[in-house]
N, C-alpha and C. Protein backbone atom coordinates (compact mmCIF):
# COMPACT_ATOMS: atom_id res chain seq x y z
N MET A 1 119.60 167.21 52.49
CA MET A 1 120.77 167.17 51.61
C MET A 1 121.69 166.03 52.06
N ALA A 2 122.21 165.30 51.07
CA ALA A 2 123.09 164.18 51.39
C ALA A 2 124.39 164.67 52.00
N VAL A 3 124.89 163.87 52.91
CA VAL A 3 126.14 164.22 53.58
C VAL A 3 127.30 163.54 52.88
N GLY A 4 128.30 164.32 52.45
CA GLY A 4 129.44 163.78 51.73
C GLY A 4 130.32 162.93 52.62
N PRO A 5 131.16 162.06 52.00
CA PRO A 5 132.05 161.20 52.79
C PRO A 5 132.97 161.98 53.71
N ARG A 6 133.49 163.11 53.24
CA ARG A 6 134.41 163.90 54.06
C ARG A 6 133.72 164.45 55.29
N ARG A 7 132.51 164.99 55.10
CA ARG A 7 131.78 165.53 56.25
C ARG A 7 131.41 164.43 57.23
N ARG A 8 131.02 163.28 56.69
CA ARG A 8 130.66 162.16 57.57
C ARG A 8 131.89 161.72 58.37
N TRP A 9 133.07 161.72 57.73
CA TRP A 9 134.31 161.33 58.42
C TRP A 9 134.63 162.30 59.54
N VAL A 10 134.49 163.61 59.27
CA VAL A 10 134.75 164.62 60.30
C VAL A 10 133.79 164.45 61.47
N TRP A 11 132.52 164.23 61.17
CA TRP A 11 131.51 164.05 62.21
C TRP A 11 131.84 162.83 63.07
N LEU A 12 132.19 161.71 62.44
CA LEU A 12 132.53 160.50 63.18
C LEU A 12 133.78 160.71 64.03
N LEU A 13 134.76 161.43 63.49
CA LEU A 13 135.98 161.70 64.24
C LEU A 13 135.68 162.51 65.50
N GLU A 14 134.79 163.49 65.38
CA GLU A 14 134.43 164.30 66.54
C GLU A 14 133.71 163.47 67.59
N ILE A 15 132.84 162.57 67.15
CA ILE A 15 132.12 161.70 68.10
C ILE A 15 133.11 160.78 68.83
N VAL A 16 134.05 160.21 68.08
CA VAL A 16 135.05 159.32 68.68
C VAL A 16 135.89 160.07 69.70
N LEU A 17 136.31 161.29 69.34
CA LEU A 17 137.12 162.09 70.26
C LEU A 17 136.37 162.39 71.55
N PHE A 18 135.11 162.81 71.42
CA PHE A 18 134.33 163.12 72.61
C PHE A 18 134.09 161.88 73.48
N THR A 19 133.83 160.75 72.83
CA THR A 19 133.63 159.49 73.57
C THR A 19 134.91 159.10 74.31
N ALA A 20 136.06 159.29 73.66
CA ALA A 20 137.33 158.96 74.30
C ALA A 20 137.57 159.84 75.52
N LEU A 21 137.24 161.12 75.42
CA LEU A 21 137.41 162.02 76.55
C LEU A 21 136.49 161.62 77.71
N CYS A 22 135.25 161.26 77.40
CA CYS A 22 134.32 160.83 78.45
C CYS A 22 134.81 159.54 79.11
N ALA A 23 135.33 158.61 78.29
CA ALA A 23 135.86 157.36 78.85
C ALA A 23 137.04 157.64 79.76
N TRP A 24 137.88 158.58 79.35
CA TRP A 24 139.03 158.95 80.18
C TRP A 24 138.57 159.53 81.51
N LEU A 25 137.51 160.33 81.46
CA LEU A 25 136.95 160.89 82.70
C LEU A 25 136.53 159.77 83.63
N GLY A 26 135.83 158.78 83.09
CA GLY A 26 135.39 157.68 83.93
C GLY A 26 136.55 156.93 84.55
N ILE A 27 137.58 156.70 83.76
CA ILE A 27 138.75 155.98 84.26
C ILE A 27 139.45 156.76 85.37
N ARG A 28 139.54 158.10 85.18
CA ARG A 28 140.24 158.91 86.18
C ARG A 28 139.43 159.07 87.46
N LEU A 29 138.11 159.15 87.34
CA LEU A 29 137.28 159.35 88.53
C LEU A 29 137.06 158.06 89.29
N ILE A 30 137.09 156.93 88.58
CA ILE A 30 136.91 155.63 89.23
C ILE A 30 138.27 154.95 89.26
N ASP A 31 139.03 155.19 90.30
CA ASP A 31 140.37 154.61 90.38
C ASP A 31 140.33 153.30 91.15
N ASP A 32 141.43 152.58 91.08
CA ASP A 32 141.52 151.27 91.75
C ASP A 32 142.57 151.28 92.85
N ILE A 33 142.77 152.43 93.48
CA ILE A 33 143.73 152.51 94.57
C ILE A 33 143.17 151.80 95.80
N PRO A 34 143.91 150.84 96.35
CA PRO A 34 143.42 150.12 97.54
C PRO A 34 143.13 151.08 98.69
N ARG A 35 141.99 150.89 99.34
CA ARG A 35 141.58 151.79 100.41
C ARG A 35 141.62 151.06 101.75
N PRO A 36 142.33 151.61 102.73
CA PRO A 36 142.33 150.99 104.07
C PRO A 36 140.93 150.96 104.66
N GLU A 37 140.67 149.97 105.47
CA GLU A 37 139.34 149.82 106.08
C GLU A 37 139.07 150.98 107.04
N ALA A 38 137.82 151.47 107.03
CA ALA A 38 137.37 152.55 107.92
C ALA A 38 138.25 153.80 107.79
N SER A 39 138.63 154.12 106.57
CA SER A 39 139.46 155.30 106.34
C SER A 39 138.67 156.38 105.63
N VAL A 40 139.18 157.59 105.68
CA VAL A 40 138.62 158.71 104.91
C VAL A 40 139.68 159.13 103.90
N ASP A 41 139.22 159.56 102.73
CA ASP A 41 140.18 159.97 101.72
C ASP A 41 140.18 161.49 101.58
N PHE A 42 141.27 162.02 101.10
CA PHE A 42 141.40 163.44 100.86
C PHE A 42 142.41 163.65 99.74
N LYS A 43 142.39 164.84 99.17
CA LYS A 43 143.27 165.13 98.05
C LYS A 43 144.53 165.83 98.54
N ILE A 44 145.67 165.38 98.02
CA ILE A 44 146.94 165.97 98.38
C ILE A 44 147.84 165.98 97.15
N GLN A 45 148.58 167.03 96.95
CA GLN A 45 149.49 167.12 95.81
C GLN A 45 150.90 166.72 96.22
N LEU A 46 151.35 165.61 95.67
CA LEU A 46 152.72 165.14 95.88
C LEU A 46 153.31 164.84 94.50
N SER A 47 154.56 165.17 94.30
CA SER A 47 155.15 165.07 92.96
C SER A 47 155.29 163.64 92.46
N ASP A 48 155.41 162.66 93.36
CA ASP A 48 155.64 161.28 92.92
C ASP A 48 154.59 160.30 93.43
N ALA A 49 153.37 160.80 93.72
CA ALA A 49 152.33 159.94 94.25
C ALA A 49 150.96 160.37 93.72
N HIS A 50 150.01 159.46 93.79
CA HIS A 50 148.64 159.78 93.39
C HIS A 50 148.08 160.87 94.31
N ASP A 51 147.09 161.62 93.77
CA ASP A 51 146.58 162.76 94.53
C ASP A 51 145.54 162.37 95.58
N LYS A 52 145.22 161.08 95.69
CA LYS A 52 144.28 160.63 96.73
C LYS A 52 145.06 159.94 97.85
N ALA A 53 144.93 160.46 99.07
CA ALA A 53 145.55 159.86 100.24
C ALA A 53 144.46 159.44 101.22
N PHE A 54 144.81 158.64 102.20
CA PHE A 54 143.83 158.12 103.16
C PHE A 54 144.31 158.37 104.59
N LEU A 55 143.35 158.53 105.48
CA LEU A 55 143.62 158.71 106.90
C LEU A 55 142.78 157.69 107.67
N TYR A 56 143.43 156.96 108.57
CA TYR A 56 142.70 155.97 109.36
C TYR A 56 143.37 155.81 110.73
N ARG A 57 142.71 155.08 111.61
CA ARG A 57 143.27 154.76 112.93
C ARG A 57 143.75 153.32 112.92
N ASP A 58 144.95 153.10 113.46
CA ASP A 58 145.45 151.73 113.53
C ASP A 58 144.87 151.02 114.76
N GLU A 59 145.34 149.82 115.02
CA GLU A 59 144.79 149.02 116.12
C GLU A 59 145.01 149.66 117.47
N GLN A 60 146.03 150.49 117.60
CA GLN A 60 146.30 151.18 118.86
C GLN A 60 145.57 152.52 118.95
N GLY A 61 144.81 152.86 117.92
CA GLY A 61 144.06 154.11 117.94
C GLY A 61 144.84 155.31 117.43
N ALA A 62 146.07 155.09 116.96
CA ALA A 62 146.89 156.19 116.44
C ALA A 62 146.53 156.47 114.99
N PHE A 63 146.60 157.73 114.60
CA PHE A 63 146.31 158.11 113.22
C PHE A 63 147.47 157.69 112.31
N ARG A 64 147.11 157.20 111.12
CA ARG A 64 148.09 156.84 110.11
C ARG A 64 147.63 157.39 108.75
N PHE A 65 148.58 157.90 107.98
CA PHE A 65 148.30 158.40 106.63
C PHE A 65 148.83 157.40 105.62
N VAL A 66 148.06 157.18 104.57
CA VAL A 66 148.47 156.26 103.51
C VAL A 66 148.57 157.02 102.19
N VAL A 67 149.74 156.96 101.57
CA VAL A 67 149.95 157.56 100.25
C VAL A 67 150.33 156.44 99.28
N THR A 68 149.99 156.65 98.00
CA THR A 68 150.24 155.63 96.98
C THR A 68 151.17 156.19 95.91
N PRO A 69 152.45 155.80 95.93
CA PRO A 69 153.40 156.28 94.90
C PRO A 69 152.99 155.79 93.52
N PHE A 70 153.42 156.51 92.49
CA PHE A 70 153.15 156.06 91.12
C PHE A 70 153.82 154.72 90.86
N GLU A 71 154.95 154.50 91.49
CA GLU A 71 155.65 153.23 91.37
C GLU A 71 155.97 152.71 92.77
N GLY A 72 155.62 151.46 93.00
CA GLY A 72 155.89 150.87 94.31
C GLY A 72 154.62 150.70 95.13
N ALA A 73 154.80 150.16 96.34
CA ALA A 73 153.68 149.84 97.21
C ALA A 73 153.23 151.07 98.01
N GLN A 74 152.01 150.99 98.54
CA GLN A 74 151.49 152.06 99.41
C GLN A 74 152.36 152.19 100.65
N ARG A 75 152.35 153.41 101.20
CA ARG A 75 153.14 153.68 102.40
C ARG A 75 152.21 154.19 103.49
N ALA A 76 152.30 153.56 104.66
CA ALA A 76 151.55 154.02 105.83
C ALA A 76 152.50 154.87 106.67
N LEU A 77 152.13 156.12 106.91
CA LEU A 77 153.01 157.07 107.59
C LEU A 77 152.38 157.58 108.87
N SER A 78 153.22 157.86 109.84
CA SER A 78 152.75 158.52 111.06
C SER A 78 152.49 159.98 110.72
N PRO A 79 151.75 160.71 111.58
CA PRO A 79 151.52 162.14 111.31
C PRO A 79 152.82 162.92 111.09
N ASP A 80 153.86 162.63 111.90
CA ASP A 80 155.13 163.33 111.72
C ASP A 80 155.78 162.99 110.39
N GLU A 81 155.75 161.72 110.01
CA GLU A 81 156.34 161.31 108.73
C GLU A 81 155.59 161.93 107.56
N PHE A 82 154.27 161.95 107.67
CA PHE A 82 153.47 162.55 106.60
C PHE A 82 153.74 164.05 106.50
N ALA A 83 153.81 164.74 107.64
CA ALA A 83 154.09 166.17 107.64
C ALA A 83 155.46 166.45 107.02
N ARG A 84 156.44 165.61 107.33
CA ARG A 84 157.79 165.79 106.77
C ARG A 84 157.77 165.59 105.25
N LEU A 85 157.03 164.57 104.79
CA LEU A 85 156.93 164.29 103.35
C LEU A 85 156.30 165.48 102.61
N VAL A 86 155.20 166.00 103.15
CA VAL A 86 154.50 167.12 102.51
C VAL A 86 155.39 168.36 102.53
N TYR A 87 156.04 168.61 103.64
CA TYR A 87 156.91 169.80 103.75
C TYR A 87 158.04 169.74 102.74
N GLU A 88 158.71 168.59 102.64
CA GLU A 88 159.84 168.47 101.71
C GLU A 88 159.37 168.60 100.26
N ASP A 89 158.20 168.03 99.96
CA ASP A 89 157.69 168.10 98.59
C ASP A 89 157.30 169.53 98.22
N GLN A 90 156.59 170.19 99.13
CA GLN A 90 156.12 171.55 98.84
C GLN A 90 157.27 172.54 98.77
N SER A 91 158.25 172.40 99.65
CA SER A 91 159.36 173.35 99.68
C SER A 91 160.32 173.18 98.52
N SER A 92 160.24 172.04 97.80
CA SER A 92 161.14 171.81 96.66
C SER A 92 160.55 172.29 95.34
N ARG A 93 159.34 172.84 95.36
CA ARG A 93 158.70 173.29 94.13
C ARG A 93 159.25 174.62 93.65
N GLY A 94 159.23 174.78 92.33
CA GLY A 94 159.66 176.03 91.73
C GLY A 94 158.55 177.08 91.83
N SER A 95 158.88 178.31 91.48
CA SER A 95 157.91 179.40 91.59
C SER A 95 156.72 179.21 90.66
N LEU A 96 156.95 178.67 89.46
CA LEU A 96 155.84 178.44 88.53
C LEU A 96 154.90 177.36 89.04
N GLN A 97 155.47 176.31 89.65
CA GLN A 97 154.64 175.25 90.21
C GLN A 97 153.77 175.78 91.35
N VAL A 98 154.33 176.67 92.15
CA VAL A 98 153.56 177.28 93.23
C VAL A 98 152.47 178.18 92.66
N LEU A 99 152.83 178.99 91.65
CA LEU A 99 151.87 179.93 91.06
C LEU A 99 150.67 179.22 90.47
N PHE A 100 150.91 178.11 89.76
CA PHE A 100 149.82 177.41 89.07
C PHE A 100 149.30 176.20 89.85
N ASN A 101 149.77 176.05 91.10
CA ASN A 101 149.26 175.00 91.98
C ASN A 101 149.40 173.60 91.38
N VAL A 102 150.61 173.29 90.91
CA VAL A 102 150.90 171.96 90.38
C VAL A 102 152.14 171.43 91.08
N SER A 103 152.32 170.11 91.01
CA SER A 103 153.41 169.50 91.75
C SER A 103 154.53 168.96 90.86
N SER A 104 154.43 169.17 89.53
CA SER A 104 155.46 168.63 88.65
C SER A 104 155.53 169.45 87.36
N ALA A 105 156.58 169.18 86.59
CA ALA A 105 156.72 169.85 85.29
C ALA A 105 155.61 169.42 84.35
N GLN A 106 155.18 168.17 84.48
CA GLN A 106 154.07 167.69 83.65
C GLN A 106 152.80 168.50 83.94
N GLY A 107 152.60 168.86 85.19
CA GLY A 107 151.45 169.68 85.55
C GLY A 107 151.48 171.03 84.85
N LEU A 108 152.68 171.58 84.66
CA LEU A 108 152.80 172.85 83.96
C LEU A 108 152.35 172.73 82.51
N LEU A 109 152.59 171.58 81.89
CA LEU A 109 152.14 171.36 80.51
C LEU A 109 150.62 171.32 80.44
N TRP A 110 149.98 170.71 81.45
CA TRP A 110 148.52 170.69 81.47
C TRP A 110 147.96 172.10 81.67
N VAL A 111 148.60 172.87 82.52
CA VAL A 111 148.16 174.25 82.72
C VAL A 111 148.32 175.05 81.43
N ALA A 112 149.42 174.83 80.71
CA ALA A 112 149.62 175.51 79.43
C ALA A 112 148.52 175.15 78.44
N LEU A 113 148.10 173.89 78.44
CA LEU A 113 147.00 173.47 77.58
C LEU A 113 145.70 174.19 77.95
N GLY A 114 145.43 174.27 79.26
CA GLY A 114 144.23 174.97 79.71
C GLY A 114 144.26 176.45 79.36
N LEU A 115 145.42 177.07 79.52
CA LEU A 115 145.55 178.48 79.18
C LEU A 115 145.36 178.71 77.68
N ALA A 116 145.91 177.81 76.86
CA ALA A 116 145.74 177.93 75.41
C ALA A 116 144.26 177.81 75.03
N GLY A 117 143.55 176.89 75.70
CA GLY A 117 142.13 176.77 75.45
C GLY A 117 141.38 178.03 75.82
N GLN A 118 141.76 178.66 76.92
CA GLN A 118 141.10 179.88 77.35
C GLN A 118 141.41 181.03 76.39
N VAL A 119 142.63 181.06 75.85
CA VAL A 119 142.99 182.08 74.86
C VAL A 119 142.12 181.94 73.61
N LEU A 120 141.89 180.69 73.18
CA LEU A 120 141.02 180.47 72.03
C LEU A 120 139.59 180.95 72.32
N PHE A 121 139.13 180.70 73.55
CA PHE A 121 137.78 181.14 73.93
C PHE A 121 137.67 182.65 73.89
N THR A 122 138.70 183.33 74.34
CA THR A 122 138.69 184.80 74.28
C THR A 122 138.82 185.27 72.84
N GLY A 123 139.69 184.61 72.06
CA GLY A 123 139.89 185.00 70.68
C GLY A 123 138.66 184.83 69.83
N ARG A 124 137.82 183.83 70.12
CA ARG A 124 136.62 183.62 69.31
C ARG A 124 135.67 184.81 69.42
N LEU A 125 135.64 185.45 70.59
CA LEU A 125 134.79 186.62 70.76
C LEU A 125 135.31 187.80 69.95
N VAL A 126 136.64 187.92 69.89
CA VAL A 126 137.23 188.98 69.07
C VAL A 126 136.91 188.75 67.60
N VAL A 127 137.01 187.49 67.15
CA VAL A 127 136.69 187.15 65.76
C VAL A 127 135.23 187.47 65.45
N GLN A 128 134.33 187.11 66.36
CA GLN A 128 132.90 187.38 66.14
C GLN A 128 132.63 188.87 66.11
N TRP A 129 133.28 189.61 66.97
CA TRP A 129 133.09 191.06 67.03
C TRP A 129 133.57 191.72 65.74
N LEU A 130 134.75 191.32 65.25
CA LEU A 130 135.28 191.90 64.03
C LEU A 130 134.41 191.56 62.82
N ALA A 131 133.90 190.32 62.79
CA ALA A 131 133.01 189.93 61.69
C ALA A 131 131.72 190.74 61.72
N SER A 132 131.21 191.00 62.91
CA SER A 132 129.98 191.80 63.04
C SER A 132 130.22 193.25 62.62
N GLU A 133 131.37 193.80 63.01
CA GLU A 133 131.69 195.17 62.62
C GLU A 133 131.83 195.27 61.10
N ARG A 134 132.42 194.26 60.50
CA ARG A 134 132.61 194.27 59.05
C ARG A 134 131.27 194.17 58.32
N SER A 135 130.35 193.36 58.85
CA SER A 135 129.06 193.16 58.20
C SER A 135 128.04 194.24 58.55
N GLY A 136 128.30 194.99 59.61
CA GLY A 136 127.34 196.01 60.04
C GLY A 136 126.14 195.43 60.75
N ARG A 137 126.22 194.17 61.14
CA ARG A 137 125.15 193.53 61.89
C ARG A 137 125.76 192.39 62.70
N SER A 138 125.00 191.88 63.64
CA SER A 138 125.52 190.80 64.48
C SER A 138 125.52 189.49 63.70
N VAL A 139 126.70 188.92 63.51
CA VAL A 139 126.85 187.65 62.80
C VAL A 139 127.79 186.75 63.59
N VAL A 140 127.69 185.45 63.31
CA VAL A 140 128.57 184.47 63.95
C VAL A 140 129.28 183.69 62.84
N PRO A 141 130.54 184.00 62.57
CA PRO A 141 131.26 183.32 61.48
C PRO A 141 131.62 181.89 61.87
N PRO A 142 131.85 181.03 60.87
CA PRO A 142 132.26 179.65 61.16
C PRO A 142 133.50 179.56 62.04
N ALA A 143 134.42 180.53 61.87
CA ALA A 143 135.64 180.51 62.68
C ALA A 143 135.31 180.55 64.17
N PHE A 144 134.22 181.22 64.53
CA PHE A 144 133.79 181.29 65.93
C PHE A 144 133.55 179.88 66.48
N TRP A 145 132.85 179.05 65.69
CA TRP A 145 132.52 177.70 66.15
C TRP A 145 133.75 176.80 66.16
N TRP A 146 134.64 176.98 65.17
CA TRP A 146 135.86 176.17 65.17
C TRP A 146 136.75 176.50 66.36
N MET A 147 136.87 177.80 66.67
CA MET A 147 137.67 178.20 67.83
C MET A 147 137.02 177.74 69.12
N SER A 148 135.69 177.77 69.15
CA SER A 148 134.97 177.29 70.33
C SER A 148 135.21 175.80 70.55
N LEU A 149 135.16 175.03 69.46
CA LEU A 149 135.37 173.58 69.56
C LEU A 149 136.79 173.26 70.02
N ALA A 150 137.77 173.95 69.41
CA ALA A 150 139.17 173.70 69.80
C ALA A 150 139.41 174.10 71.25
N GLY A 151 138.91 175.28 71.64
CA GLY A 151 139.08 175.74 73.01
C GLY A 151 138.39 174.82 74.01
N ALA A 152 137.17 174.38 73.67
CA ALA A 152 136.43 173.48 74.57
C ALA A 152 137.14 172.15 74.72
N THR A 153 137.72 171.63 73.64
CA THR A 153 138.45 170.36 73.71
C THR A 153 139.66 170.49 74.63
N MET A 154 140.39 171.60 74.49
CA MET A 154 141.56 171.82 75.36
C MET A 154 141.14 171.97 76.81
N LEU A 155 140.10 172.77 77.06
CA LEU A 155 139.66 172.99 78.43
C LEU A 155 139.05 171.72 79.03
N LEU A 156 138.34 170.96 78.21
CA LEU A 156 137.77 169.70 78.70
C LEU A 156 138.88 168.75 79.14
N SER A 157 139.94 168.67 78.33
CA SER A 157 141.08 167.83 78.70
C SER A 157 141.72 168.32 80.00
N TYR A 158 141.85 169.64 80.12
CA TYR A 158 142.45 170.22 81.33
C TYR A 158 141.59 169.92 82.56
N PHE A 159 140.28 170.09 82.46
CA PHE A 159 139.40 169.84 83.60
C PHE A 159 139.35 168.36 83.95
N LEU A 160 139.49 167.49 82.95
CA LEU A 160 139.57 166.06 83.24
C LEU A 160 140.82 165.76 84.06
N TRP A 161 141.94 166.38 83.69
CA TRP A 161 143.17 166.18 84.45
C TRP A 161 143.03 166.71 85.87
N ARG A 162 142.36 167.84 86.02
CA ARG A 162 142.14 168.42 87.35
C ARG A 162 141.06 167.69 88.14
N LYS A 163 140.31 166.82 87.45
CA LYS A 163 139.16 166.13 88.06
C LYS A 163 138.14 167.14 88.58
N ASP A 164 137.91 168.14 87.76
CA ASP A 164 136.96 169.21 88.08
C ASP A 164 135.63 168.89 87.40
N VAL A 165 134.68 168.34 88.15
CA VAL A 165 133.41 167.90 87.58
C VAL A 165 132.63 169.07 86.99
N VAL A 166 132.64 170.22 87.67
CA VAL A 166 131.90 171.39 87.17
C VAL A 166 132.43 171.81 85.81
N GLY A 167 133.75 171.89 85.68
CA GLY A 167 134.35 172.28 84.41
C GLY A 167 134.08 171.26 83.31
N VAL A 168 134.14 169.98 83.64
CA VAL A 168 133.89 168.93 82.65
C VAL A 168 132.45 169.00 82.14
N LEU A 169 131.49 169.16 83.05
CA LEU A 169 130.09 169.23 82.64
C LEU A 169 129.84 170.46 81.77
N GLY A 170 130.40 171.60 82.17
CA GLY A 170 130.20 172.83 81.41
C GLY A 170 130.79 172.74 80.01
N GLN A 171 132.03 172.29 79.90
CA GLN A 171 132.67 172.21 78.60
C GLN A 171 132.13 171.05 77.76
N GLY A 172 131.71 169.98 78.41
CA GLY A 172 131.17 168.84 77.67
C GLY A 172 129.89 169.19 76.94
N PHE A 173 128.99 169.92 77.60
CA PHE A 173 127.74 170.32 76.95
C PHE A 173 128.03 171.31 75.82
N GLY A 174 128.89 172.29 76.08
CA GLY A 174 129.23 173.26 75.05
C GLY A 174 129.87 172.59 73.86
N TRP A 175 130.70 171.56 74.09
CA TRP A 175 131.36 170.84 73.02
C TRP A 175 130.35 170.29 72.03
N LEU A 176 129.27 169.70 72.55
CA LEU A 176 128.22 169.15 71.68
C LEU A 176 127.54 170.25 70.87
N VAL A 177 127.32 171.41 71.49
CA VAL A 177 126.68 172.53 70.79
C VAL A 177 127.56 173.00 69.64
N TYR A 178 128.87 173.10 69.87
CA TYR A 178 129.78 173.58 68.83
C TYR A 178 129.83 172.58 67.66
N VAL A 179 129.87 171.30 67.99
CA VAL A 179 129.90 170.28 66.94
C VAL A 179 128.62 170.35 66.11
N ARG A 180 127.49 170.50 66.78
CA ARG A 180 126.21 170.54 66.07
C ARG A 180 126.14 171.75 65.14
N ASN A 181 126.61 172.90 65.59
CA ASN A 181 126.59 174.09 64.74
C ASN A 181 127.49 173.91 63.52
N LEU A 182 128.67 173.35 63.72
CA LEU A 182 129.56 173.11 62.58
C LEU A 182 128.96 172.09 61.62
N TRP A 183 128.28 171.11 62.18
CA TRP A 183 127.61 170.11 61.34
C TRP A 183 126.56 170.77 60.46
N MET A 184 125.75 171.66 61.03
CA MET A 184 124.71 172.32 60.25
C MET A 184 125.31 173.25 59.20
N ILE A 185 126.42 173.92 59.54
CA ILE A 185 127.06 174.82 58.58
C ILE A 185 127.58 174.04 57.37
N HIS A 186 128.24 172.91 57.61
CA HIS A 186 128.82 172.15 56.51
C HIS A 186 127.79 171.28 55.79
N ALA A 187 126.68 170.99 56.44
CA ALA A 187 125.62 170.22 55.79
C ALA A 187 124.76 171.08 54.87
N ASN A 188 124.83 172.40 55.04
CA ASN A 188 124.02 173.32 54.24
C ASN A 188 124.90 174.44 53.67
N PRO A 189 125.84 174.09 52.82
CA PRO A 189 126.75 175.12 52.30
C PRO A 189 126.09 176.13 51.38
N SER A 190 124.90 175.81 50.87
CA SER A 190 124.23 176.72 49.95
C SER A 190 123.31 177.70 50.65
N GLU A 191 123.31 177.68 51.96
CA GLU A 191 122.49 178.60 52.74
C GLU A 191 123.02 180.01 52.57
N PRO A 192 122.50 181.02 53.32
CA PRO A 192 122.89 182.41 53.10
C PRO A 192 124.39 182.67 53.04
N VAL A 193 124.72 183.86 52.59
CA VAL A 193 126.11 184.27 52.42
C VAL A 193 126.91 184.05 53.69
N PRO A 194 128.09 183.43 53.62
CA PRO A 194 128.90 183.21 54.83
C PRO A 194 129.14 184.51 55.59
N ALA A 195 129.11 184.42 56.90
CA ALA A 195 129.23 185.62 57.73
C ALA A 195 130.60 186.27 57.59
N THR A 196 131.57 185.51 57.11
CA THR A 196 132.91 186.07 56.98
C THR A 196 133.06 186.93 55.73
N GLU A 197 132.05 186.91 54.85
CA GLU A 197 132.10 187.72 53.66
C GLU A 197 131.20 188.93 53.80
N ASP A 198 131.59 190.01 53.19
CA ASP A 198 130.80 191.24 53.23
C ASP A 198 129.57 191.05 52.34
N PRO A 199 128.33 191.09 52.90
CA PRO A 199 127.14 190.88 52.08
C PRO A 199 126.92 191.97 51.04
N ALA A 200 127.50 193.13 51.24
CA ALA A 200 127.32 194.22 50.29
C ALA A 200 128.65 194.93 50.10
N PRO A 201 129.61 194.31 49.39
CA PRO A 201 130.93 194.94 49.23
C PRO A 201 130.85 196.23 48.44
N GLU A 202 131.72 197.11 48.79
CA GLU A 202 131.75 198.40 48.07
C GLU A 202 132.37 198.20 46.70
N PRO A 203 131.88 198.93 45.67
CA PRO A 203 132.43 198.78 44.31
C PRO A 203 133.86 199.31 44.26
């Protein structure tokens, strides 16, 4: 069956969105933060600096920590200076920042996005269950796939921000499955009765 212009536009939009998210993942995972020679990197949450810090030994053999502010040059700190910086940053956080393990108000917005995506994922199961109860058999309504796609997009964005490779891989594969199912549903509108309708309504 021929694909209409509107369906083709929706399909292309979904491909562009997914490609943009993958590109963003690459940009976030491959950063250009200068790395001191013979250093090891580790993750640290600071409200005004990148989450990657470095530890190395200077010419005298003393340990030095390097942090990279969002604005300005890198800072090489002694262990005491680094400990003071971390202590002051952590102790200035609000209760919500501590609860959700974020270092800024912007982080709370990302957590809210992730939570909204998870709510959609839970809601899709409720929608599928209600549709099955209404039909008297196990069915998967189109709303299930739309909620899955929206939830996966939100969670994929959240996991990209967290730099969580496991979450990105899991949601990325599911995202393609949801898009493909919606594509097949809209490409074959004359197929069996939609699952959201009662196949045998009472008179």
